[in-house]
Amino acid sequence: MRRVLTAILLLMVMGLGEAFAQEFNFGVQLRERSEFDAKEFSLSGGDGGSNYLDVYHYLRTRFRADATVNEHVNVVVELQDSRKFGTEGGTLNDGFHDGDEHSNAFDVRQAFVHMRRINNTAVDAKVGRMVLSYANQRLLGAIDWNNFGQSFDGGVLTFHMKNASLDIIGAAVDRNDNTIRHIRDEFLAGAWFTWNPMADQTTVQVFYLYTNPMSMGMDSRMWLHTPGIYVSGETNGFDYAVDGAFQFGEFPNVKLQDGESTLGISAYMAGVRAGYTLPGNANFRIGAGVDILSGDDPAGEGEEDDSFGAFNTLFATNHKFYGHMDYFPGAIGDLGLMDIIVQLSAEPRENFRVGADFHMFSIMVDPADFPGNEDTEIETNIGMELDLYTQFQVVDAVWSQVGVSVIDLADRVNRPVLRGLNKTNKWAYIMLMVNV
């Protein structure tokens, strides 16, 4: 029934668009990705070395209707069907698969009205369900690599200025019923200021985000404040991006040994990327960088005993930063992460790109600080990951991307999630995307 209603919604927008809109556009995106997954450290093929290979096929289909009603009003509706092959029965399926539990694979990805220059002022407003993507997506992004992606229910108020803009953001993240054990709803609020002093070549962005995710597995939410800055630019073949953020706030209702009822938060994030593209037709680029996420030291130091130090990446597109295999930062828990990156890429011909990313991972917390680890030789070094990829146009409107990745762990590593039989894991994918 839900699929029927969403399909009817799209047809209504199409009909209204053609009848009343000055301009109406309709688009379709289809993406299929096959992944060859040998990333599980706890599984072994029997010799203690090579682990099992599993194959997944992901299919994502998006239907978008965009109606420009007049110079001030624009309406967008985008439906999405996202599925993994074999998890939902086909037309001849006899009931061995329960399709009902996957009914949310078909849903409304975006449905919003965009009002520009309200009452001839320099103010815009967007209300509805929408994608929120800012800066390099380090903290707030579309997470488009994921088969579902990320969107929010809420609104954005934009104030335009000369070479600058200010977004006021408000969105609902998680809704909870008002019951006896009521847990406050999770929401996102913030302000994002963007200044482009030199057109598209340089951008300076300053932001503040507030959210209240669940705290430490308890039935209460933390109060998490995240101010930060992002600066990027490009000149004479040299490109750079620098960003940083600080987090503060507290966990409510956390009973500490000293009787306090709250635990303070003090965490930080920093990232630096830079590269140079050599003159010539191949567009050969060499780049390097370092990303740091602070961790929580269980031992504490002096007055910092009552603070929690692990940085929360919020609603980030982490796939862009911490390796294509997507182990990090989740796999290291609250230990923090340092990622040193070396990047190479080239475009030997038009619509054909090849690249390689090399990562060296380590944790930010000294493993010796953990109880029971005082006398063990556990390395802060996690290991290395190599990501190879190529992207090319097959025919008009059809693109393909192929990638191969391998990760090799250090011999003695404190890895709460990566613990298992295998030291080296592999992963590969083939992706085809059509845009019409």
Protein backbone atom coordinates (compact mmCIF):
# COMPACT_ATOMS: atom_id res chain seq x y z
CA MET A 1 0.00 0.00 0.00
CA ARG A 2 2.85 2.37 0.85
CA ARG A 3 4.40 1.86 -2.56
CA VAL A 4 1.11 2.60 -4.27
CA LEU A 5 0.65 5.83 -2.31
CA THR A 6 4.17 7.07 -3.04
CA ALA A 7 3.78 6.25 -6.73
CA ILE A 8 0.47 8.17 -6.77
CA LEU A 9 2.23 11.12 -5.10
CA LEU A 10 4.81 11.23 -7.87
CA LEU A 11 2.13 11.01 -10.58
CA MET A 12 0.20 13.86 -8.93
CA VAL A 13 3.29 16.07 -8.90
CA MET A 14 3.92 15.22 -12.54
CA GLY A 15 0.34 16.09 -13.43
CA LEU A 16 0.33 19.33 -11.46
CA GLY A 17 3.73 20.23 -12.84
CA GLU A 18 2.62 19.84 -16.44
CA ALA A 19 -0.61 21.76 -15.76
CA PHE A 20 0.65 24.71 -13.70
CA ALA A 21 4.44 24.87 -13.74
CA GLN A 22 6.45 27.17 -15.94
CA GLU A 23 9.04 24.41 -16.27
CA PHE A 24 8.84 20.72 -15.44
CA ASN A 25 11.67 18.18 -15.38
CA PHE A 26 11.55 14.46 -14.76
CA GLY A 27 14.63 12.29 -14.17
CA VAL A 28 15.53 8.67 -13.41
CA GLN A 29 18.71 7.28 -11.86
CA LEU A 30 19.44 3.55 -11.77
CA ARG A 31 22.50 2.19 -9.98
CA GLU A 32 23.59 -1.42 -9.62
CA ARG A 33 26.64 -2.37 -7.54
CA SER A 34 28.06 -5.84 -7.09
CA GLU A 35 30.40 -6.21 -4.10
CA PHE A 36 32.83 -9.08 -3.61
CA ASP A 37 33.20 -9.03 0.15
CA ALA A 38 35.98 -10.73 2.13
CA LYS A 39 36.06 -8.11 4.90
CA GLU A 40 34.98 -10.25 7.87
CA PHE A 41 37.97 -10.77 10.20
CA SER A 42 36.26 -13.41 12.31
CA LEU A 43 35.71 -15.88 9.44
CA SER A 44 38.41 -18.16 8.06
CA GLY A 45 38.50 -20.40 5.02
CA GLY A 46 40.02 -23.16 7.11
CA ASP A 47 43.73 -22.42 6.93
CA GLY A 48 43.65 -19.42 9.25
CA GLY A 49 44.54 -17.12 6.38
CA SER A 50 42.03 -16.49 3.61
CA ASN A 51 38.53 -15.70 4.79
CA TYR A 52 35.24 -16.45 3.08
CA LEU A 53 34.14 -14.47 0.03
CA ASP A 54 30.54 -13.31 -0.11
CA VAL A 55 28.88 -11.53 -3.05
CA TYR A 56 26.21 -8.87 -2.67
CA HIS A 57 24.23 -7.10 -5.38
CA TYR A 58 22.66 -3.74 -4.59
CA LEU A 59 20.11 -2.00 -6.79
CA ARG A 60 18.94 1.59 -6.32
CA THR A 61 16.35 3.36 -8.47
CA ARG A 62 15.41 7.00 -8.07
CA PHE A 63 12.55 8.88 -9.74
CA ARG A 64 12.68 12.68 -9.49
CA ALA A 65 10.07 15.26 -10.47
CA ASP A 66 11.08 18.95 -10.35
CA ALA A 67 8.42 21.58 -11.02
CA THR A 68 9.19 25.32 -11.24
CA VAL A 69 5.83 26.92 -10.44
CA ASN A 70 7.10 30.48 -10.90
CA GLU A 71 10.27 32.48 -10.30
CA HIS A 72 9.83 32.15 -6.53
CA VAL A 73 8.51 28.61 -6.00
CA ASN A 74 10.03 25.23 -6.85
CA VAL A 75 8.64 21.81 -5.83
CA VAL A 76 10.73 18.62 -5.80
CA VAL A 77 9.56 15.05 -5.20
CA GLU A 78 12.02 12.16 -5.39
CA LEU A 79 11.08 8.52 -4.83
CA GLN A 80 13.64 5.80 -4.19
CA ASP A 81 13.63 2.03 -4.33
CA SER A 82 16.67 0.49 -2.63
CA ARG A 83 17.20 -3.24 -2.34
CA LYS A 84 19.71 -6.04 -1.97
CA PHE A 85 19.21 -8.91 -4.41
CA GLY A 86 17.54 -11.91 -2.81
CA THR A 87 16.14 -10.19 0.28
CA GLU A 88 12.69 -9.73 -1.25
CA GLY A 89 10.73 -12.30 -3.22
CA GLY A 90 10.23 -11.85 -6.97
CA THR A 91 6.97 -12.18 -8.90
CA LEU A 92 7.17 -16.00 -8.91
CA ASN A 93 8.35 -16.33 -5.31
CA ASP A 94 6.36 -18.87 -3.30
CA GLY A 95 6.71 -17.25 0.10
CA PHE A 96 10.08 -18.42 1.40
CA HIS A 97 11.17 -14.78 1.68
CA ASP A 98 9.23 -12.36 3.84
CA GLY A 99 8.90 -9.29 1.66
CA ASP A 100 6.97 -7.30 4.27
CA GLU A 101 10.05 -6.63 6.39
CA HIS A 102 11.68 -4.94 3.40
CA SER A 103 8.72 -2.74 2.45
CA ASN A 104 10.63 0.41 3.40
CA ALA A 105 12.98 -0.21 0.46
CA PHE A 106 10.54 1.94 -1.53
CA ASP A 107 10.11 5.36 0.04
CA VAL A 108 10.11 9.11 -0.43
CA ARG A 109 13.72 10.30 -0.49
CA GLN A 110 12.89 13.97 -0.98
CA ALA A 111 9.67 15.98 -1.03
CA PHE A 112 10.05 19.70 -0.41
CA VAL A 113 9.01 23.14 -1.53
CA HIS A 114 11.75 25.69 -2.18
CA MET A 115 10.65 29.33 -1.89
CA ARG A 116 13.16 31.86 -3.25
CA ARG A 117 13.47 35.56 -2.42
CA ILE A 118 10.38 35.55 -0.19
CA ASN A 119 8.45 38.82 -0.56
CA ASN A 120 11.32 40.11 -2.70
CA THR A 121 13.78 39.85 0.17
CA ALA A 122 17.13 38.05 0.27
CA VAL A 123 15.60 35.11 2.15
CA ASP A 124 14.95 31.58 0.84
CA ALA A 125 13.17 28.72 2.60
CA LYS A 126 13.02 24.96 2.04
CA VAL A 127 10.49 22.84 3.93
CA GLY A 128 9.85 19.10 3.73
CA ARG A 129 12.03 16.02 3.35
CA MET A 130 15.43 16.81 1.85
CA VAL A 131 19.10 15.98 1.56
CA LEU A 132 21.37 18.17 3.72
CA SER A 133 24.91 18.29 2.37
CA TYR A 134 27.46 20.90 3.46
CA ALA A 135 31.14 21.59 2.74
CA ASN A 136 33.06 18.35 2.17
CA GLN A 137 30.37 16.28 3.96
CA ARG A 138 32.72 15.66 6.89
CA LEU A 139 29.87 16.12 9.39
CA LEU A 140 26.67 16.50 7.36
CA GLY A 141 26.29 14.81 3.99
CA ALA A 142 24.22 12.75 1.58
CA ILE A 143 26.07 9.44 2.29
CA ASP A 144 25.35 8.59 -1.35
CA TRP A 145 27.64 5.55 -1.44
CA ASN A 146 25.18 3.83 0.88
CA ASN A 147 22.37 2.22 -1.07
CA PHE A 148 19.76 4.22 0.85
CA GLY A 149 21.58 7.52 1.34
CA GLN A 150 20.56 10.07 3.94
CA SER A 151 17.80 12.66 4.04
CA PHE A 152 16.07 14.65 6.78
CA ASP A 153 12.58 15.89 7.63
CA GLY A 154 12.78 19.59 8.42
CA GLY A 155 13.55 22.96 6.94
CA VAL A 156 16.33 25.35 5.97
CA LEU A 157 16.12 29.15 6.06
CA THR A 158 18.77 30.85 3.90
CA PHE A 159 19.84 34.49 4.16
CA HIS A 160 21.77 35.72 1.10
CA MET A 161 24.49 38.36 1.35
CA LYS A 162 27.19 39.61 -0.99
CA ASN A 163 29.50 36.64 -1.69
CA ALA A 164 28.04 34.90 1.36
CA SER A 165 25.04 33.07 2.76
CA LEU A 166 23.76 31.86 6.12
CA ASP A 167 21.68 28.68 6.52
CA ILE A 168 19.57 28.09 9.61
CA ILE A 169 18.93 24.34 9.83
CA GLY A 170 16.29 22.43 11.74
CA ALA A 171 15.46 18.74 11.25
CA ALA A 172 13.84 15.81 13.04
CA VAL A 173 16.08 12.74 13.31
CA ASP A 174 14.25 10.25 15.54
CA ARG A 175 10.67 10.44 16.81
CA ASN A 176 9.60 8.82 20.09
CA ASP A 177 6.06 8.45 21.39
CA ASN A 178 5.11 10.33 24.56
CA THR A 179 4.93 7.45 27.03
CA ILE A 180 5.79 6.87 30.69
CA ARG A 181 9.36 5.99 29.64
CA HIS A 182 9.49 8.91 27.25
CA ILE A 183 12.88 9.50 25.64
CA ARG A 184 13.21 12.93 24.09
CA ASP A 185 13.07 13.07 20.32
CA GLU A 186 16.38 13.39 18.52
CA PHE A 187 16.76 16.46 16.34
CA LEU A 188 19.37 18.45 14.47
CA ALA A 189 19.70 22.22 14.62
CA GLY A 190 22.39 24.61 13.55
CA ALA A 191 23.72 27.48 11.49
CA TRP A 192 26.08 27.28 8.50
CA PHE A 193 27.78 30.42 7.16
CA THR A 194 29.48 30.30 3.74
CA TRP A 195 31.72 33.01 2.32
CA ASN A 196 33.21 32.89 -1.20
CA PRO A 197 35.68 35.78 -1.35
CA MET A 198 37.11 34.71 -4.72
CA ALA A 199 34.14 33.24 -6.58
CA ASP A 200 34.44 29.43 -6.80
CA GLN A 201 38.18 29.23 -6.13
CA THR A 202 38.05 29.81 -2.38
CA THR A 203 35.43 29.11 0.25
CA VAL A 204 35.39 29.78 3.98
CA GLN A 205 32.64 28.11 5.99
CA VAL A 206 31.92 28.48 9.69
CA PHE A 207 29.26 26.37 11.35
CA TYR A 208 27.56 25.34 14.56
CA LEU A 209 25.54 22.12 14.89
CA TYR A 210 23.53 20.80 17.82
CA THR A 211 22.07 17.31 18.17
CA ASN A 212 21.08 14.97 20.99
CA PRO A 213 21.84 11.32 20.12
CA MET A 214 21.45 8.45 22.57
CA SER A 215 24.17 8.46 25.22
CA MET A 216 26.40 5.48 25.98
CA GLY A 217 23.68 2.88 25.41
CA MET A 218 21.49 4.37 28.16
CA ASP A 219 17.87 5.55 28.01
CA SER A 220 18.86 9.19 27.83
CA ARG A 221 20.23 11.57 25.22
CA MET A 222 23.42 13.58 25.27
CA TRP A 223 23.62 17.30 24.53
CA LEU A 224 26.21 17.64 21.82
CA HIS A 225 27.44 20.98 20.45
CA THR A 226 29.77 21.07 17.43
CA PRO A 227 31.24 24.38 16.19
CA GLY A 228 33.83 24.31 13.43
CA ILE A 229 35.38 25.74 10.28
CA TYR A 230 36.09 24.56 6.73
CA VAL A 231 38.38 26.31 4.24
CA SER A 232 39.17 25.13 0.70
CA GLY A 233 40.64 26.57 -2.44
CA GLU A 234 42.41 25.99 -5.73
CA THR A 235 45.02 28.04 -7.57
CA ASN A 236 47.58 27.28 -10.30
CA GLY A 237 47.07 23.53 -10.07
CA PHE A 238 47.33 23.46 -6.27
CA ASP A 239 44.24 22.50 -4.24
CA TYR A 240 43.73 22.33 -0.50
CA ALA A 241 41.06 21.72 2.11
CA VAL A 242 41.39 22.31 5.85
CA ASP A 243 38.68 21.68 8.41
CA GLY A 244 38.35 21.35 12.13
CA ALA A 245 35.67 21.08 14.77
CA PHE A 246 35.35 20.95 18.53
CA GLN A 247 32.65 19.16 20.50
CA PHE A 248 31.36 19.97 23.95
CA GLY A 249 28.26 19.16 25.98
CA GLU A 250 27.35 16.45 28.46
CA PHE A 251 25.76 13.08 29.07
CA PRO A 252 22.79 13.46 31.41
CA ASN A 253 21.89 10.83 34.01
CA VAL A 254 25.27 9.13 33.92
CA LYS A 255 26.10 7.95 37.43
CA LEU A 256 29.80 8.39 38.04
CA GLN A 257 31.81 6.98 40.92
CA ASP A 258 32.16 10.39 42.54
CA GLY A 259 28.40 10.87 42.63
CA GLU A 260 28.14 13.33 39.76
CA SER A 261 25.11 12.94 37.49
CA THR A 262 26.61 14.22 34.24
CA LEU A 263 29.69 13.50 32.17
CA GLY A 264 31.21 16.36 30.21
CA ILE A 265 32.24 16.10 26.56
CA SER A 266 35.50 17.49 25.20
CA ALA A 267 36.49 16.19 21.74
CA TYR A 268 37.96 17.48 18.51
CA MET A 269 38.43 16.71 14.81
CA ALA A 270 41.01 18.04 12.33
CA GLY A 271 41.64 17.33 8.68
CA VAL A 272 44.13 18.60 6.10
CA ARG A 273 44.20 17.64 2.43
CA ALA A 274 46.41 19.13 -0.28
CA GLY A 275 47.34 18.19 -3.82
CA TYR A 276 48.95 19.35 -7.02
CA THR A 277 47.78 18.60 -10.56
CA LEU A 278 50.61 18.52 -13.09
CA PRO A 279 50.13 20.52 -16.29
CA GLY A 280 49.21 18.34 -19.25
CA ASN A 281 46.38 16.38 -20.77
CA ALA A 282 46.54 13.50 -18.28
CA ASN A 283 45.61 15.71 -15.27
CA PHE A 284 47.94 13.68 -13.04
CA ARG A 285 47.39 14.67 -9.40
CA ILE A 286 49.39 13.76 -6.32
CA GLY A 287 47.95 14.55 -2.91
CA ALA A 288 48.45 13.91 0.77
CA GLY A 289 46.71 14.62 4.03
CA VAL A 290 45.99 13.65 7.59
CA ASP A 291 42.69 13.24 9.46
CA ILE A 292 42.45 13.14 13.25
CA LEU A 293 39.48 12.16 15.44
CA SER A 294 40.09 12.43 19.17
CA GLY A 295 39.56 9.41 21.41
CA ASP A 296 38.48 8.81 24.97
CA ASP A 297 41.27 7.99 27.42
CA PRO A 298 39.85 5.59 30.03
CA ALA A 299 42.60 6.48 32.49
CA GLY A 300 42.03 10.23 32.32
CA GLU A 301 44.46 12.89 33.37
CA GLY A 302 43.97 15.20 36.31
CA GLU A 303 41.02 17.51 35.87
CA GLU A 304 40.01 15.73 32.66
CA ASP A 305 38.77 12.67 34.55
CA ASP A 306 35.14 13.76 34.18
CA SER A 307 35.19 14.35 30.40
CA PHE A 308 34.43 12.11 27.43
CA GLY A 309 36.92 12.64 24.60
CA ALA A 310 35.75 10.60 21.59
CA PHE A 311 34.67 12.73 18.61
CA ASN A 312 31.27 11.95 17.06
CA THR A 313 31.24 12.35 13.25
CA LEU A 314 27.48 13.04 13.40
CA PHE A 315 25.82 12.59 9.96
CA ALA A 316 28.99 12.37 7.90
CA THR A 317 29.79 10.71 4.59
CA ASN A 318 32.66 8.75 6.16
CA HIS A 319 33.24 6.69 2.99
CA LYS A 320 34.93 9.72 1.42
CA PHE A 321 37.60 10.02 4.10
CA TYR A 322 38.56 6.91 6.05
CA GLY A 323 39.05 4.23 3.40
CA HIS A 324 36.69 2.66 0.87
CA MET A 325 36.30 -0.51 2.94
CA ASP A 326 34.32 1.50 5.53
CA TYR A 327 35.87 -0.01 8.66
CA PHE A 328 36.55 3.37 10.19
CA PRO A 329 35.81 5.22 12.35
CA GLY A 330 33.21 2.72 13.60
CA ALA A 331 35.57 -0.23 14.05
CA ILE A 332 37.75 1.50 16.64
CA GLY A 333 34.94 2.54 18.97
CA ASP A 334 35.97 5.39 21.27
CA LEU A 335 39.72 5.00 20.72
CA GLY A 336 40.04 7.87 18.24
CA LEU A 337 41.67 7.70 14.82
CA MET A 338 44.64 9.14 12.95
CA ASP A 339 44.61 8.54 9.19
CA ILE A 340 47.61 9.55 7.06
CA ILE A 341 46.64 9.58 3.37
CA VAL A 342 48.55 9.57 0.08
CA GLN A 343 46.53 9.93 -3.13
CA LEU A 344 47.34 9.51 -6.81
CA SER A 345 44.92 10.04 -9.70
CA ALA A 346 44.96 10.73 -13.44
CA GLU A 347 42.63 11.21 -16.40
CA PRO A 348 44.55 9.72 -19.34
CA ARG A 349 41.63 10.44 -21.65
CA GLU A 350 38.28 12.19 -21.54
CA ASN A 351 35.69 10.57 -19.25
CA PHE A 352 38.20 8.04 -17.91
CA ARG A 353 39.77 8.39 -14.47
CA VAL A 354 42.03 6.10 -12.42
CA GLY A 355 43.20 6.57 -8.86
CA ALA A 356 44.81 5.06 -5.79
CA ASP A 357 44.41 6.03 -2.11
CA PHE A 358 46.83 4.74 0.52
CA HIS A 359 45.86 4.99 4.22
CA MET A 360 47.94 4.44 7.35
CA PHE A 361 45.67 4.09 10.39
CA SER A 362 46.44 4.37 14.09
CA ILE A 363 44.43 4.96 17.25
CA MET A 364 44.71 8.14 19.33
CA VAL A 365 44.51 6.51 22.77
CA ASP A 366 47.42 4.69 24.39
CA PRO A 367 46.35 1.02 24.76
CA ALA A 368 48.40 0.76 27.97
CA ASP A 369 45.84 3.01 29.68
CA PHE A 370 43.21 0.28 29.53
CA PRO A 371 42.84 -1.99 32.56
CA GLY A 372 44.68 -5.25 31.95
CA ASN A 373 46.85 -3.84 29.17
CA GLU A 374 49.53 -2.29 31.35
CA ASP A 375 52.10 -5.01 30.72
CA THR A 376 51.17 -5.98 27.14
CA GLU A 377 52.80 -4.83 23.92
CA ILE A 378 49.83 -3.55 21.96
CA GLU A 379 50.54 -1.16 19.12
CA THR A 380 48.73 2.10 18.48
CA ASN A 381 49.25 1.36 14.79
CA ILE A 382 46.15 -0.30 13.29
CA GLY A 383 47.37 -1.08 9.79
CA MET A 384 47.33 0.04 6.17
CA GLU A 385 44.66 0.12 3.47
CA LEU A 386 45.08 0.48 -0.30
CA ASP A 387 42.12 1.52 -2.46
CA LEU A 388 42.40 1.26 -6.26
CA TYR A 389 39.57 2.53 -8.47
CA THR A 390 38.65 3.57 -11.99
CA GLN A 391 35.65 5.46 -13.33
CA PHE A 392 34.68 5.75 -16.99
CA GLN A 393 31.78 6.48 -19.31
CA VAL A 394 30.41 3.40 -21.06
CA VAL A 395 28.02 5.19 -23.43
CA ASP A 396 26.05 8.43 -23.16
CA ALA A 397 24.33 8.68 -19.75
CA VAL A 398 25.91 5.40 -18.55
CA TRP A 399 28.93 5.36 -16.21
CA SER A 400 30.83 2.54 -14.59
CA GLN A 401 33.12 2.40 -11.58
CA VAL A 402 35.37 -0.48 -10.54
CA GLY A 403 37.39 -0.72 -7.35
CA VAL A 404 39.65 -3.10 -5.42
CA SER A 405 40.76 -2.63 -1.80
CA VAL A 406 42.96 -4.50 0.64
CA ILE A 407 43.69 -3.87 4.32
CA ASP A 408 46.61 -5.31 6.29
CA LEU A 409 46.52 -5.09 10.10
CA ALA A 410 49.42 -4.64 12.45
CA ASP A 411 50.60 -7.77 14.28
CA ARG A 412 49.56 -6.54 17.74
CA VAL A 413 46.67 -4.14 17.51
CA ASN A 414 44.02 -3.20 20.04
CA ARG A 415 41.02 -3.62 17.73
CA PRO A 416 37.70 -4.23 19.49
CA VAL A 417 35.77 -4.90 16.26
CA LEU A 418 38.59 -6.07 13.97
CA ARG A 419 39.54 -8.92 16.30
CA GLY A 420 39.55 -12.29 14.52
CA LEU A 421 41.51 -14.90 12.61
CA ASN A 422 42.60 -12.87 9.61
CA LYS A 423 45.30 -10.26 9.31
CA THR A 424 44.63 -9.27 5.69
CA ASN A 425 41.21 -8.71 4.15
CA LYS A 426 40.08 -7.86 0.62
CA TRP A 427 37.07 -6.27 -1.06
CA ALA A 428 36.10 -5.31 -4.62
CA TYR A 429 33.12 -3.87 -6.47
CA ILE A 430 31.72 -3.19 -9.93
CA MET A 431 29.14 -0.41 -10.23
CA LEU A 432 27.00 0.75 -13.14
CA MET A 433 24.99 3.99 -13.00
CA VAL A 434 22.49 5.38 -15.51
CA ASN A 435 21.16 8.96 -15.38
CA VAL A 436 18.35 10.05 -17.70
